[in-house]
Amino acid sequence: MTDFQALRVDAFAVDEELSDAGCVGPELAHLAQVYLHSPRALVWRNPSSDWRVFVLLLPIASRLSLMANPIFAQLARAWGMNARFVGIDRDGLFHDFRSLLSDRTLRLLVELLTADQARTVDAARVLDTLFGTLASEMLTVLEQRGDDWSRHLDTEHRLESQVPASLFDRDTRFPDFQAALRAALRDDIVDLAFYGRALRAADLREQAFETRVASLLESSLDPVTMAKLGQTRAGRHLGCYNWLQLDSRHAAARAHVLSRLPGFATFFAQTLVPLDLAPENSRDGGYDLRSLVARTASAHSLHWAGVLRRAIDAGQDRAVIEALSQRFQVPDNLIRRLWREVPPAFGQPPTWQIAQVLRQLQRVGPNGWPASDAQWRELLARAVPAEAA
């Protein structure tokens, strides 16, 4: 049976002052009320036999009166770009279904939030109806696509909060409230002490929410695969989780390579997960923009990605290093050194940036490698304009 829940944030002592127009001004008070009372996530447990859980992560909709007007439909679309709809299927694979958030779905969400903020007598029934409609629409689309679900597998996000590519992007969740709070401090409407209290409360409440949702999602993932992933130092990278989960026979070999090269986590997920799915789910025609931008769709990259996958699954470390050096066209010894030393400051660069980072390392030579976190950050920064040029 489907179990629905709308998750909200906790209350803090500073909230009463934040909502008082006499203390903070009418604009900040209004935005604070929207921020405090808006649902952060909609959760459906067991929405159908094919799915363990759906979670719709919502940014704060501060301009509902405009978004509800058809003339300003672009506002709803811009807001919807920061929403995220994820799901975990019966096989324990993690999906990112943001592309299913159609204009009609966004309109339903705006109606839902409008009814929620109005807090009418029948608000609970209205919300249940809207949530049911929303869930039904998503399930209908997924059922019509059938075996094509796999093209929505998440390959880039992480369950940790406040890290690059986190599933929880605070900067886009409540920008209007943050801007109003800064403006109130700048205009001397609130003092620095109150500003600090409000920021601390926001940080604590968002951290608690993110921990709660991450725990909910992790409880629906495969525990054995998560244990293997936890030993790799790649963090709770959902793309790598999917990579290990797709083929349990080779999960140990894949986890071993990931433990040696945790900085390549996003590259492995975005490059090798599509290869695992290609025989059954290849799509003729059209262009995958992400693959083109990441330069993973050329004949050269696809060939060496295939070689790399076979080497990893066969447990051949030397062949893995050779395939990576050929894929990125850098010396074997450079990859071998990364294999031996795992510099934490290397991080997990996006796929499109890894080639440029490796070429920067090749350019400085074996004796010129960064020796501190600051030097690593400088090298990574230099790799960005090199790619753009």
Protein backbone atom coordinates (compact mmCIF):
# COMPACT_ATOMS: atom_id res chain seq x y z
CA MET A 1 0.00 0.00 0.00
CA THR A 2 1.31 3.46 -0.90
CA ASP A 3 2.38 5.54 2.09
CA PHE A 4 2.59 9.28 1.47
CA GLN A 5 4.33 11.89 3.62
CA ALA A 6 5.23 15.57 3.19
CA LEU A 7 8.49 16.41 4.97
CA ARG A 8 8.98 19.84 6.53
CA VAL A 9 11.73 21.47 8.56
CA ASP A 10 11.95 21.76 12.34
CA ALA A 11 11.01 24.87 14.31
CA PHE A 12 13.54 27.02 16.20
CA ALA A 13 13.27 29.80 18.77
CA VAL A 14 14.26 32.46 16.24
CA ASP A 15 11.29 31.64 14.00
CA GLU A 16 8.82 33.82 15.90
CA GLU A 17 10.99 36.90 15.41
CA LEU A 18 11.67 35.99 11.77
CA SER A 19 7.93 35.94 11.08
CA ASP A 20 7.22 39.22 12.89
CA ALA A 21 6.95 42.07 10.38
CA GLY A 22 7.50 44.58 13.18
CA CYS A 23 10.93 43.08 13.92
CA VAL A 24 12.28 42.24 10.48
CA GLY A 25 10.11 44.17 8.03
CA PRO A 26 7.18 42.92 5.90
CA GLU A 27 9.25 41.46 3.02
CA LEU A 28 11.54 39.29 5.14
CA ALA A 29 8.64 38.27 7.40
CA HIS A 30 6.60 37.06 4.42
CA LEU A 31 9.51 35.15 2.87
CA ALA A 32 10.37 33.67 6.27
CA GLN A 33 6.84 32.35 6.68
CA VAL A 34 6.97 30.76 3.23
CA TYR A 35 10.41 29.33 4.03
CA LEU A 36 9.34 27.90 7.39
CA HIS A 37 6.01 26.36 6.35
CA SER A 38 6.70 25.04 2.84
CA PRO A 39 7.18 21.27 2.41
CA ARG A 40 10.74 20.36 1.48
CA ALA A 41 10.02 16.91 0.06
CA LEU A 42 7.10 14.71 -0.94
CA VAL A 43 7.68 11.02 -0.25
CA TRP A 44 5.77 8.03 -1.60
CA ARG A 45 6.78 4.68 -0.14
CA ASN A 46 5.88 1.65 -2.29
CA PRO A 47 3.99 3.68 -4.94
CA SER A 48 3.71 0.52 -7.09
CA SER A 49 5.08 -3.00 -7.33
CA ASP A 50 7.94 -1.71 -9.51
CA TRP A 51 9.11 1.03 -7.13
CA ARG A 52 10.28 1.09 -3.53
CA VAL A 53 10.14 4.84 -3.04
CA PHE A 54 9.64 8.13 -4.87
CA VAL A 55 10.97 11.39 -3.43
CA LEU A 56 10.24 14.81 -4.91
CA LEU A 57 12.66 17.41 -3.49
CA LEU A 58 11.16 20.90 -3.68
CA PRO A 59 12.81 24.32 -3.67
CA ILE A 60 10.93 27.09 -1.87
CA ALA A 61 8.26 28.66 -4.10
CA SER A 62 8.30 32.27 -2.89
CA ARG A 63 6.33 33.78 -5.80
CA LEU A 64 3.31 31.50 -5.99
CA SER A 65 0.89 34.31 -6.89
CA LEU A 66 2.90 35.00 -10.06
CA MET A 67 3.71 31.36 -10.83
CA ALA A 68 0.02 30.45 -10.78
CA ASN A 69 -0.65 32.99 -13.54
CA PRO A 70 -0.31 31.41 -17.03
CA ILE A 71 1.35 34.61 -18.27
CA PHE A 72 4.31 33.89 -15.99
CA ALA A 73 4.65 30.19 -16.85
CA GLN A 74 8.38 30.73 -17.37
CA LEU A 75 8.73 31.42 -13.64
CA ALA A 76 7.26 28.00 -12.86
CA ARG A 77 9.63 26.36 -15.35
CA ALA A 78 12.64 28.12 -13.86
CA TRP A 79 11.52 27.02 -10.39
CA GLY A 80 10.94 23.47 -11.64
CA MET A 81 14.53 23.26 -12.89
CA ASN A 82 15.60 23.26 -9.24
CA ALA A 83 13.13 20.55 -8.22
CA ARG A 84 14.33 16.96 -8.24
CA PHE A 85 12.30 13.78 -8.59
CA VAL A 86 14.17 10.59 -7.66
CA GLY A 87 13.10 6.99 -7.30
CA ILE A 88 14.43 3.59 -6.30
CA ASP A 89 13.12 0.61 -8.25
CA ARG A 90 12.47 -2.95 -7.09
CA ASP A 91 16.04 -3.94 -8.08
CA GLY A 92 17.50 -1.26 -5.83
CA LEU A 93 18.71 1.02 -8.65
CA PHE A 94 18.61 4.78 -8.09
CA HIS A 95 16.89 6.95 -10.74
CA ASP A 96 16.76 10.68 -11.41
CA PHE A 97 13.43 11.54 -13.08
CA ARG A 98 13.68 15.32 -13.29
CA SER A 99 12.88 15.13 -17.01
CA LEU A 100 9.42 13.81 -16.09
CA LEU A 101 8.52 17.09 -14.41
CA SER A 102 6.41 18.37 -17.29
CA ASP A 103 4.59 21.71 -17.47
CA ARG A 104 1.40 20.01 -16.31
CA THR A 105 3.22 18.47 -13.35
CA LEU A 106 4.66 21.85 -12.42
CA ARG A 107 1.19 23.40 -12.55
CA LEU A 108 -0.06 20.70 -10.19
CA LEU A 109 2.83 21.43 -7.85
CA VAL A 110 2.06 25.15 -7.86
CA GLU A 111 -1.61 24.41 -7.08
CA LEU A 112 -0.52 22.06 -4.32
CA LEU A 113 1.73 24.62 -2.69
CA THR A 114 -0.88 27.37 -3.06
CA ALA A 115 -3.47 25.23 -1.27
CA ASP A 116 -0.89 24.29 1.36
CA GLN A 117 0.04 27.90 2.13
CA ALA A 118 -3.62 28.98 2.15
CA ARG A 119 -4.21 26.45 4.95
CA THR A 120 -7.92 26.14 4.17
CA VAL A 121 -10.24 23.87 6.16
CA ASP A 122 -10.02 21.05 3.61
CA ALA A 123 -6.31 21.55 2.92
CA ALA A 124 -5.43 17.98 3.93
CA ARG A 125 -7.94 16.48 1.49
CA VAL A 126 -6.86 18.88 -1.28
CA LEU A 127 -3.24 17.94 -0.76
CA ASP A 128 -4.00 14.21 -0.77
CA THR A 129 -5.88 14.61 -4.07
CA LEU A 130 -3.10 16.61 -5.67
CA PHE A 131 -0.41 14.26 -4.42
CA GLY A 132 -2.39 11.30 -5.73
CA THR A 133 -2.75 12.95 -9.13
CA LEU A 134 0.93 13.78 -9.20
CA ALA A 135 1.97 10.24 -8.30
CA SER A 136 -0.45 8.73 -10.81
CA GLU A 137 0.88 10.91 -13.62
CA MET A 138 4.46 9.93 -12.89
CA LEU A 139 3.60 6.23 -12.64
CA THR A 140 1.65 6.38 -15.91
CA VAL A 141 4.61 7.87 -17.75
CA LEU A 142 7.00 5.32 -16.28
CA GLU A 143 4.73 2.38 -17.10
CA GLN A 144 4.34 3.58 -20.68
CA ARG A 145 8.13 3.69 -21.06
CA GLY A 146 8.47 0.15 -19.70
CA ASP A 147 12.05 -1.11 -19.92
CA ASP A 148 13.28 2.38 -20.84
CA TRP A 149 13.48 3.35 -17.16
CA SER A 150 17.21 2.62 -17.15
CA ARG A 151 18.04 5.68 -19.23
CA HIS A 152 17.08 7.73 -16.15
CA LEU A 153 19.67 6.08 -13.89
CA ASP A 154 21.43 8.69 -11.78
CA THR A 155 25.13 8.89 -12.65
CA GLU A 156 26.30 12.11 -11.01
CA HIS A 157 24.79 12.86 -7.61
CA ARG A 158 25.89 12.06 -4.08
CA LEU A 159 23.86 11.51 -0.92
CA GLU A 160 26.15 13.66 1.21
CA SER A 161 25.10 17.24 1.79
CA GLN A 162 27.20 20.34 1.03
CA VAL A 163 29.58 18.58 -1.35
CA PRO A 164 29.94 19.06 -5.13
CA ALA A 165 27.12 17.33 -7.06
CA SER A 166 25.12 16.76 -3.85
CA LEU A 167 21.52 15.65 -4.27
CA PHE A 168 20.70 18.47 -1.85
CA ASP A 169 21.59 21.82 -3.41
CA ARG A 170 20.97 24.46 -0.75
CA ASP A 171 21.90 27.39 -2.99
CA THR A 172 18.86 26.77 -5.20
CA ARG A 173 16.47 25.65 -2.45
CA PHE A 174 15.67 29.01 -0.83
CA PRO A 175 17.54 31.83 -2.61
CA ASP A 176 14.81 34.46 -2.05
CA PHE A 177 14.86 33.98 1.72
CA GLN A 178 18.65 34.16 1.84
CA ALA A 179 18.70 37.32 -0.30
CA ALA A 180 16.05 39.00 1.88
CA LEU A 181 17.96 38.11 5.05
CA ARG A 182 21.18 39.62 3.65
CA ALA A 183 19.29 42.72 2.50
CA ALA A 184 17.78 43.19 5.95
CA LEU A 185 21.26 43.08 7.50
CA ARG A 186 22.63 45.48 4.89
CA ASP A 187 19.78 47.94 5.48
CA ASP A 188 20.18 47.74 9.28
CA ILE A 189 16.71 46.23 9.72
CA VAL A 190 18.29 43.35 11.69
CA ASP A 191 21.55 43.36 13.60
CA LEU A 192 24.50 41.03 13.13
CA ALA A 193 23.63 38.91 16.17
CA PHE A 194 20.10 38.21 14.86
CA TYR A 195 21.49 37.51 11.38
CA GLY A 196 23.89 34.96 12.85
CA ARG A 197 21.11 33.26 14.84
CA ALA A 198 18.92 33.03 11.73
CA LEU A 199 21.77 31.54 9.68
CA ARG A 200 22.62 28.98 12.36
CA ALA A 201 18.98 27.96 12.64
CA ALA A 202 18.70 27.61 8.85
CA ASP A 203 21.87 25.52 8.74
CA LEU A 204 20.70 23.21 11.54
CA ARG A 205 17.21 22.73 10.15
CA GLU A 206 18.45 22.04 6.60
CA GLN A 207 21.10 19.64 7.86
CA ALA A 208 18.46 17.73 9.84
CA PHE A 209 16.19 17.56 6.79
CA GLU A 210 18.99 16.38 4.49
CA THR A 211 20.08 13.70 6.98
CA ARG A 212 16.49 12.49 7.26
CA VAL A 213 15.96 12.21 3.50
CA ALA A 214 19.39 10.65 2.94
CA SER A 215 18.63 8.01 5.60
CA LEU A 216 15.23 7.34 4.04
CA LEU A 217 16.77 6.83 0.60
CA GLU A 218 19.70 4.80 1.87
CA SER A 219 17.36 2.44 3.71
CA SER A 220 15.81 1.54 0.33
CA LEU A 221 19.16 0.88 -1.36
CA ASP A 222 20.90 -2.48 -1.41
CA PRO A 223 22.91 -2.76 1.86
CA VAL A 224 25.56 -5.10 0.42
CA THR A 225 26.30 -2.74 -2.46
CA MET A 226 26.35 0.25 -0.11
CA ALA A 227 28.85 -1.61 2.10
CA LYS A 228 31.12 -2.20 -0.92
CA LEU A 229 30.78 1.44 -1.91
CA GLY A 230 31.63 2.55 1.61
CA GLN A 231 35.01 0.80 1.36
CA THR A 232 36.05 2.69 -1.78
CA ARG A 233 36.55 6.21 -0.34
CA ALA A 234 34.38 7.54 -3.17
CA GLY A 235 31.64 8.56 -0.73
CA ARG A 236 27.96 7.81 -1.26
CA HIS A 237 28.17 8.45 -4.99
CA LEU A 238 24.84 7.30 -6.44
CA GLY A 239 26.25 6.81 -9.93
CA CYS A 240 28.93 4.48 -8.58
CA TYR A 241 26.31 2.71 -6.47
CA ASN A 242 24.33 2.05 -9.66
CA TRP A 243 27.51 0.88 -11.40
CA LEU A 244 28.16 -1.71 -8.68
CA GLN A 245 24.51 -2.70 -8.39
CA LEU A 246 24.02 -3.30 -12.13
CA ASP A 247 26.25 -6.38 -12.13
CA SER A 248 26.71 -8.08 -8.78
CA ARG A 249 29.13 -10.63 -10.30
CA HIS A 250 31.69 -7.90 -10.97
CA ALA A 251 30.83 -5.56 -8.09
CA ALA A 252 33.91 -6.56 -6.08
CA ALA A 253 36.27 -5.88 -9.00
CA ARG A 254 34.58 -2.55 -9.72
CA ALA A 255 34.76 -1.55 -6.06
CA HIS A 256 38.47 -2.43 -6.02
CA VAL A 257 39.25 -0.11 -8.94
CA LEU A 258 37.09 2.60 -7.44
CA SER A 259 39.01 2.32 -4.17
CA ARG A 260 42.28 2.87 -6.05
CA LEU A 261 40.94 5.80 -8.09
CA PRO A 262 38.12 7.43 -6.06
CA GLY A 263 38.71 10.71 -7.92
CA PHE A 264 37.44 9.03 -11.10
CA ALA A 265 34.09 8.17 -9.51
CA THR A 266 31.95 10.41 -11.73
CA PHE A 267 33.89 9.36 -14.84
CA PHE A 268 33.34 5.66 -14.09
CA ALA A 269 29.62 6.19 -13.47
CA GLN A 270 28.87 8.41 -16.45
CA THR A 271 31.05 6.41 -18.87
CA LEU A 272 30.53 2.78 -17.82
CA VAL A 273 26.91 2.71 -16.63
CA PRO A 274 25.65 3.51 -20.18
CA LEU A 275 27.85 0.69 -21.54
CA ASP A 276 26.26 -1.78 -19.13
CA LEU A 277 22.84 -0.79 -20.43
CA ALA A 278 23.65 -0.50 -24.14
CA PRO A 279 22.90 -4.07 -25.34
CA GLU A 280 19.34 -4.11 -24.00
CA ASN A 281 18.44 -0.44 -24.12
CA SER A 282 20.30 1.20 -26.98
CA ARG A 283 18.31 3.98 -28.63
CA ASP A 284 18.60 4.70 -32.34
CA GLY A 285 18.75 8.28 -33.53
CA GLY A 286 19.00 11.52 -31.61
CA TYR A 287 21.87 12.94 -29.60
CA ASP A 288 22.76 12.60 -25.95
CA LEU A 289 23.82 16.16 -25.13
CA ARG A 290 25.50 15.18 -21.87
CA SER A 291 27.67 12.58 -23.64
CA LEU A 292 28.62 15.06 -26.33
CA VAL A 293 29.59 17.75 -23.82
CA ALA A 294 31.56 15.25 -21.72
CA ARG A 295 33.22 13.95 -24.91
CA THR A 296 32.31 10.36 -24.09
CA ALA A 297 30.49 9.68 -27.37
CA SER A 298 33.42 9.72 -29.82
CA ALA A 299 34.66 6.50 -31.44
CA HIS A 300 37.94 6.77 -29.53
CA SER A 301 36.32 7.24 -26.11
CA LEU A 302 33.69 4.55 -26.68
CA HIS A 303 36.33 2.03 -27.78
CA TRP A 304 38.54 2.60 -24.77
CA ALA A 305 35.56 2.75 -22.43
CA GLY A 306 34.67 -0.75 -23.62
CA VAL A 307 38.25 -1.91 -23.10
CA LEU A 308 38.26 -0.32 -19.65
CA ARG A 309 35.04 -2.00 -18.60
CA ARG A 310 36.30 -5.43 -19.71
CA ALA A 311 39.61 -4.90 -17.89
CA ILE A 312 37.87 -3.85 -14.68
CA ASP A 313 35.42 -6.74 -14.71
CA ALA A 314 38.26 -9.19 -15.44
CA GLY A 315 40.22 -7.91 -12.45
CA GLN A 316 43.26 -6.87 -14.54
CA ASP A 317 44.76 -3.84 -12.79
CA ARG A 318 47.54 -3.34 -15.33
CA ALA A 319 45.04 -3.40 -18.20
CA VAL A 320 42.86 -0.88 -16.34
CA ILE A 321 45.78 1.55 -16.06
CA GLU A 322 46.68 1.09 -19.73
CA ALA A 323 43.07 1.61 -20.84
CA LEU A 324 42.79 4.81 -18.81
CA SER A 325 46.06 6.16 -20.21
CA GLN A 326 44.86 5.44 -23.76
CA ARG A 327 41.42 6.89 -23.06
CA PHE A 328 42.89 10.18 -21.81
CA GLN A 329 46.03 10.04 -23.97
CA VAL A 330 48.47 10.48 -21.09
CA PRO A 331 51.45 8.32 -20.02
CA ASP A 332 50.81 5.09 -18.11
CA ASN A 333 53.04 6.28 -15.27
CA LEU A 334 50.80 9.25 -14.59
CA ILE A 335 47.77 7.00 -14.04
CA ARG A 336 49.97 4.56 -12.11
CA ARG A 337 51.05 7.30 -9.71
CA LEU A 338 47.43 8.31 -9.10
CA TRP A 339 46.71 4.61 -8.55
CA ARG A 340 49.40 4.39 -5.86
CA GLU A 341 48.95 7.74 -4.11
CA VAL A 342 45.35 8.94 -3.81
CA PRO A 343 45.64 12.72 -3.20
CA PRO A 344 42.48 13.72 -1.27
CA ALA A 345 42.60 17.22 -2.78
CA PHE A 346 42.15 15.72 -6.26
CA GLY A 347 38.46 15.48 -5.35
CA GLN A 348 36.04 14.09 -7.92
CA PRO A 349 36.28 16.33 -10.99
CA PRO A 350 33.40 16.18 -13.47
CA THR A 351 33.97 13.88 -16.44
CA TRP A 352 34.57 16.73 -18.89
CA GLN A 353 37.36 18.12 -16.70
CA ILE A 354 39.37 14.98 -15.93
CA ALA A 355 41.27 14.94 -19.23
CA GLN A 356 42.39 18.53 -18.72
CA VAL A 357 43.46 17.86 -15.12
CA LEU A 358 45.55 14.88 -16.24
CA ARG A 359 47.17 16.95 -18.98
CA GLN A 360 47.99 19.67 -16.46
CA LEU A 361 49.70 17.01 -14.32
CA GLN A 362 51.57 15.74 -17.37
CA ARG A 363 52.64 19.29 -18.21
CA VAL A 364 54.14 20.03 -14.78
CA GLY A 365 56.05 16.72 -14.79
CA PRO A 366 56.62 14.12 -12.02
CA ASN A 367 58.47 16.58 -9.78
CA GLY A 368 55.97 19.39 -10.18
CA TRP A 369 52.87 17.74 -8.75
CA PRO A 370 50.96 19.81 -6.16
CA ALA A 371 52.16 19.31 -2.59
CA SER A 372 49.28 20.96 -0.74
CA ASP A 373 45.51 21.33 -0.97
CA ALA A 374 45.90 24.95 -2.08
CA GLN A 375 48.19 23.92 -4.96
CA TRP A 376 45.74 21.21 -6.02
CA ARG A 377 42.91 23.74 -6.08
CA GLU A 378 45.06 26.04 -8.20
CA LEU A 379 45.81 23.23 -10.67
CA LEU A 380 42.13 22.26 -10.90
CA ALA A 381 41.23 25.90 -11.53
CA ARG A 382 43.79 26.11 -14.36
CA ALA A 383 42.20 23.06 -16.01
CA VAL A 384 38.83 24.80 -16.45
CA PRO A 385 39.83 27.62 -18.88
CA ALA A 386 42.03 25.14 -20.76
CA GLU A 387 38.93 23.09 -21.56
CA ALA A 388 36.87 26.16 -22.38
CA ALA A 389 39.47 27.37 -24.86
